[in-house]
Amino acid sequence: MYSTVRVRDLKEREEDVYTLVYPRDAKLAEGKISILAPIGTALLGYRVGDIVRWEVPGGPTRLKIEEMIYKPNGADLQLA
């Protein structure tokens, strides 16, 4: 929990920074997304360099994990 990651949308070429949080702490305007939100769930278990396929109403989106900015519980680069 509370891992912070920088991702790039491979279609739109935009980057975003997200922190995975418990549902009660989610604030999208601050980049805090719930682990139970579709994108939060999609990111779990991936590592820097991985491409995450995420289904949205407009069709599939592909996000590349560019950087692990912060991981509170160790040096492993996997999101958990």
N, C-alpha and C. Protein backbone atom coordinates (compact mmCIF):
# COMPACT_ATOMS: atom_id res chain seq x y z
N MET A 1 0.84 -1.19 0.00
CA MET A 1 0.00 0.00 0.00
C MET A 1 0.87 1.24 0.00
N TYR A 2 0.31 2.28 -0.52
CA TYR A 2 0.95 3.59 -0.60
C TYR A 2 2.17 3.62 -1.51
N SER A 3 2.25 2.67 -2.44
CA SER A 3 3.27 2.73 -3.48
C SER A 3 2.89 3.84 -4.45
N THR A 4 3.89 4.58 -4.91
CA THR A 4 3.66 5.65 -5.88
C THR A 4 4.40 5.30 -7.16
N VAL A 5 3.70 5.43 -8.28
CA VAL A 5 4.23 5.00 -9.56
C VAL A 5 3.94 6.05 -10.63
N ARG A 6 4.88 6.18 -11.57
CA ARG A 6 4.66 7.05 -12.74
C ARG A 6 4.39 6.14 -13.93
N VAL A 7 3.26 6.39 -14.61
CA VAL A 7 2.87 5.58 -15.75
C VAL A 7 2.69 6.48 -16.98
N ARG A 8 2.85 5.87 -18.16
CA ARG A 8 2.64 6.59 -19.42
C ARG A 8 1.59 5.85 -20.23
N ASP A 9 0.58 6.59 -20.68
CA ASP A 9 -0.43 6.05 -21.58
C ASP A 9 0.22 5.93 -22.95
N LEU A 10 0.30 4.72 -23.49
CA LEU A 10 1.02 4.49 -24.73
C LEU A 10 0.30 5.06 -25.95
N LYS A 11 -0.99 5.27 -25.88
CA LYS A 11 -1.73 5.85 -26.99
C LYS A 11 -1.70 7.38 -26.95
N GLU A 12 -2.02 7.92 -25.80
CA GLU A 12 -2.11 9.38 -25.65
C GLU A 12 -0.75 10.03 -25.37
N ARG A 13 0.23 9.22 -24.99
CA ARG A 13 1.58 9.69 -24.67
C ARG A 13 1.61 10.63 -23.46
N GLU A 14 0.61 10.51 -22.60
CA GLU A 14 0.55 11.33 -21.38
C GLU A 14 1.07 10.53 -20.20
N GLU A 15 1.68 11.23 -19.26
CA GLU A 15 2.16 10.58 -18.03
C GLU A 15 1.34 11.04 -16.85
N ASP A 16 1.16 10.12 -15.91
CA ASP A 16 0.47 10.41 -14.66
C ASP A 16 1.22 9.75 -13.52
N VAL A 17 1.05 10.28 -12.34
CA VAL A 17 1.61 9.69 -11.13
C VAL A 17 0.44 9.30 -10.24
N TYR A 18 0.47 8.05 -9.79
CA TYR A 18 -0.59 7.52 -8.94
C TYR A 18 0.01 6.92 -7.67
N THR A 19 -0.72 7.07 -6.58
CA THR A 19 -0.41 6.39 -5.33
C THR A 19 -1.56 5.45 -5.03
N LEU A 20 -1.24 4.17 -4.80
CA LEU A 20 -2.28 3.19 -4.47
C LEU A 20 -2.61 3.28 -3.00
N VAL A 21 -3.89 3.47 -2.70
CA VAL A 21 -4.33 3.69 -1.33
C VAL A 21 -5.56 2.84 -1.02
N TYR A 22 -5.92 2.78 0.27
CA TYR A 22 -7.17 2.15 0.67
C TYR A 22 -8.34 2.99 0.14
N PRO A 23 -9.50 2.37 -0.10
CA PRO A 23 -10.64 3.11 -0.65
C PRO A 23 -10.99 4.39 0.11
N ARG A 24 -10.90 4.37 1.41
CA ARG A 24 -11.28 5.55 2.20
C ARG A 24 -10.33 6.73 1.98
N ASP A 25 -9.11 6.46 1.49
CA ASP A 25 -8.11 7.52 1.29
C ASP A 25 -8.03 8.00 -0.16
N ALA A 26 -8.86 7.43 -1.04
CA ALA A 26 -8.79 7.77 -2.46
C ALA A 26 -9.22 9.21 -2.72
N LYS A 27 -8.40 9.92 -3.49
CA LYS A 27 -8.69 11.29 -3.92
C LYS A 27 -8.06 11.45 -5.30
N LEU A 28 -8.84 11.21 -6.34
CA LEU A 28 -8.31 11.22 -7.70
C LEU A 28 -7.62 12.54 -8.04
N ALA A 29 -8.16 13.66 -7.57
CA ALA A 29 -7.56 14.96 -7.85
C ALA A 29 -6.13 15.07 -7.31
N GLU A 30 -5.82 14.26 -6.30
CA GLU A 30 -4.48 14.24 -5.71
C GLU A 30 -3.65 13.06 -6.21
N GLY A 31 -4.19 12.30 -7.17
CA GLY A 31 -3.48 11.15 -7.71
C GLY A 31 -3.51 9.93 -6.80
N LYS A 32 -4.38 9.92 -5.80
CA LYS A 32 -4.51 8.79 -4.89
C LYS A 32 -5.66 7.93 -5.36
N ILE A 33 -5.33 6.72 -5.83
CA ILE A 33 -6.37 5.84 -6.36
C ILE A 33 -6.52 4.60 -5.49
N SER A 34 -7.75 4.21 -5.32
CA SER A 34 -8.06 3.03 -4.52
C SER A 34 -7.53 1.77 -5.18
N ILE A 35 -7.06 0.85 -4.37
CA ILE A 35 -6.64 -0.44 -4.91
C ILE A 35 -7.84 -1.22 -5.45
N LEU A 36 -9.06 -0.81 -5.10
CA LEU A 36 -10.26 -1.47 -5.59
C LEU A 36 -10.81 -0.82 -6.86
N ALA A 37 -10.28 0.35 -7.25
CA ALA A 37 -10.67 0.98 -8.51
C ALA A 37 -10.10 0.15 -9.65
N PRO A 38 -10.75 0.14 -10.81
CA PRO A 38 -10.24 -0.68 -11.91
C PRO A 38 -8.76 -0.44 -12.24
N ILE A 39 -8.31 0.80 -12.29
CA ILE A 39 -6.90 1.04 -12.61
C ILE A 39 -6.00 0.62 -11.45
N GLY A 40 -6.46 0.80 -10.22
CA GLY A 40 -5.67 0.37 -9.06
C GLY A 40 -5.46 -1.13 -9.06
N THR A 41 -6.53 -1.86 -9.33
CA THR A 41 -6.45 -3.32 -9.40
C THR A 41 -5.56 -3.75 -10.57
N ALA A 42 -5.68 -3.05 -11.70
CA ALA A 42 -4.89 -3.40 -12.89
C ALA A 42 -3.39 -3.25 -12.63
N LEU A 43 -2.99 -2.29 -11.81
CA LEU A 43 -1.56 -2.04 -11.57
C LEU A 43 -0.91 -3.03 -10.61
N LEU A 44 -1.70 -3.68 -9.77
CA LEU A 44 -1.13 -4.57 -8.76
C LEU A 44 -0.31 -5.69 -9.39
N GLY A 45 0.86 -5.92 -8.85
CA GLY A 45 1.69 -7.04 -9.26
C GLY A 45 2.63 -6.76 -10.42
N TYR A 46 2.59 -5.57 -10.99
CA TYR A 46 3.46 -5.25 -12.11
C TYR A 46 4.73 -4.56 -11.65
N ARG A 47 5.74 -4.54 -12.53
CA ARG A 47 7.05 -3.97 -12.23
C ARG A 47 7.38 -2.85 -13.22
N VAL A 48 8.40 -2.07 -12.89
CA VAL A 48 8.89 -1.03 -13.78
C VAL A 48 9.23 -1.66 -15.13
N GLY A 49 8.77 -1.03 -16.20
CA GLY A 49 9.00 -1.53 -17.55
C GLY A 49 7.85 -2.36 -18.10
N ASP A 50 6.98 -2.86 -17.22
CA ASP A 50 5.84 -3.67 -17.67
C ASP A 50 4.79 -2.78 -18.34
N ILE A 51 4.05 -3.39 -19.23
CA ILE A 51 2.92 -2.72 -19.87
C ILE A 51 1.64 -3.36 -19.34
N VAL A 52 0.77 -2.52 -18.81
CA VAL A 52 -0.49 -2.96 -18.20
C VAL A 52 -1.62 -2.67 -19.18
N ARG A 53 -2.40 -3.68 -19.48
CA ARG A 53 -3.57 -3.50 -20.34
C ARG A 53 -4.77 -3.31 -19.42
N TRP A 54 -5.50 -2.24 -19.67
CA TRP A 54 -6.60 -1.85 -18.80
C TRP A 54 -7.82 -1.57 -19.65
N GLU A 55 -8.93 -2.25 -19.37
CA GLU A 55 -10.17 -2.06 -20.13
C GLU A 55 -10.94 -0.87 -19.59
N VAL A 56 -11.30 0.04 -20.49
CA VAL A 56 -12.11 1.21 -20.16
C VAL A 56 -13.31 1.24 -21.10
N PRO A 57 -14.33 2.03 -20.82
CA PRO A 57 -15.51 2.06 -21.69
C PRO A 57 -15.18 2.36 -23.16
N GLY A 58 -14.15 3.16 -23.41
CA GLY A 58 -13.78 3.51 -24.77
C GLY A 58 -12.91 2.46 -25.45
N GLY A 59 -12.62 1.38 -24.77
CA GLY A 59 -11.76 0.34 -25.33
C GLY A 59 -10.53 0.13 -24.47
N PRO A 60 -9.65 -0.77 -24.89
CA PRO A 60 -8.47 -1.07 -24.07
C PRO A 60 -7.47 0.08 -24.05
N THR A 61 -6.84 0.26 -22.91
CA THR A 61 -5.78 1.24 -22.73
C THR A 61 -4.54 0.49 -22.30
N ARG A 62 -3.39 0.95 -22.75
CA ARG A 62 -2.13 0.34 -22.34
C ARG A 62 -1.30 1.38 -21.61
N LEU A 63 -0.90 1.04 -20.41
CA LEU A 63 -0.07 1.91 -19.59
C LEU A 63 1.28 1.25 -19.37
N LYS A 64 2.34 2.00 -19.55
CA LYS A 64 3.68 1.49 -19.26
C LYS A 64 4.11 2.05 -17.92
N ILE A 65 4.58 1.16 -17.04
CA ILE A 65 5.08 1.60 -15.74
C ILE A 65 6.49 2.14 -15.96
N GLU A 66 6.64 3.44 -15.85
CA GLU A 66 7.90 4.11 -16.13
C GLU A 66 8.84 4.16 -14.93
N GLU A 67 8.27 4.35 -13.75
CA GLU A 67 9.12 4.55 -12.57
C GLU A 67 8.36 4.21 -11.29
N MET A 68 9.05 3.57 -10.38
CA MET A 68 8.52 3.37 -9.03
C MET A 68 9.10 4.51 -8.21
N ILE A 69 8.27 5.47 -7.88
CA ILE A 69 8.74 6.65 -7.16
C ILE A 69 8.92 6.36 -5.68
N TYR A 70 7.99 5.59 -5.13
CA TYR A 70 8.06 5.30 -3.70
C TYR A 70 7.40 3.95 -3.43
N LYS A 71 8.07 3.14 -2.64
CA LYS A 71 7.49 1.88 -2.16
C LYS A 71 7.85 1.77 -0.69
N PRO A 72 6.86 1.84 0.18
CA PRO A 72 7.14 1.92 1.61
C PRO A 72 7.74 0.68 2.25
N ASN A 73 7.60 -0.48 1.62
CA ASN A 73 8.02 -1.69 2.34
C ASN A 73 9.14 -2.44 1.63
N GLY A 74 10.14 -1.74 1.15
CA GLY A 74 11.32 -2.45 0.63
C GLY A 74 11.75 -2.02 -0.75
N ALA A 75 12.79 -2.66 -1.22
CA ALA A 75 13.42 -2.29 -2.47
C ALA A 75 12.85 -3.02 -3.68
N ASP A 76 12.00 -4.03 -3.48
CA ASP A 76 11.42 -4.74 -4.61
C ASP A 76 10.61 -3.75 -5.45
N LEU A 77 10.76 -3.82 -6.76
CA LEU A 77 10.12 -2.86 -7.63
C LEU A 77 8.73 -3.28 -8.08
N GLN A 78 8.19 -4.34 -7.51
CA GLN A 78 6.85 -4.79 -7.87
C GLN A 78 5.82 -3.99 -7.07
N LEU A 79 4.73 -3.62 -7.72
CA LEU A 79 3.64 -2.94 -7.02
C LEU A 79 2.88 -3.94 -6.18
N ALA A 80 2.63 -3.59 -4.96
CA ALA A 80 1.86 -4.46 -4.08
C ALA A 80 1.12 -3.63 -3.08
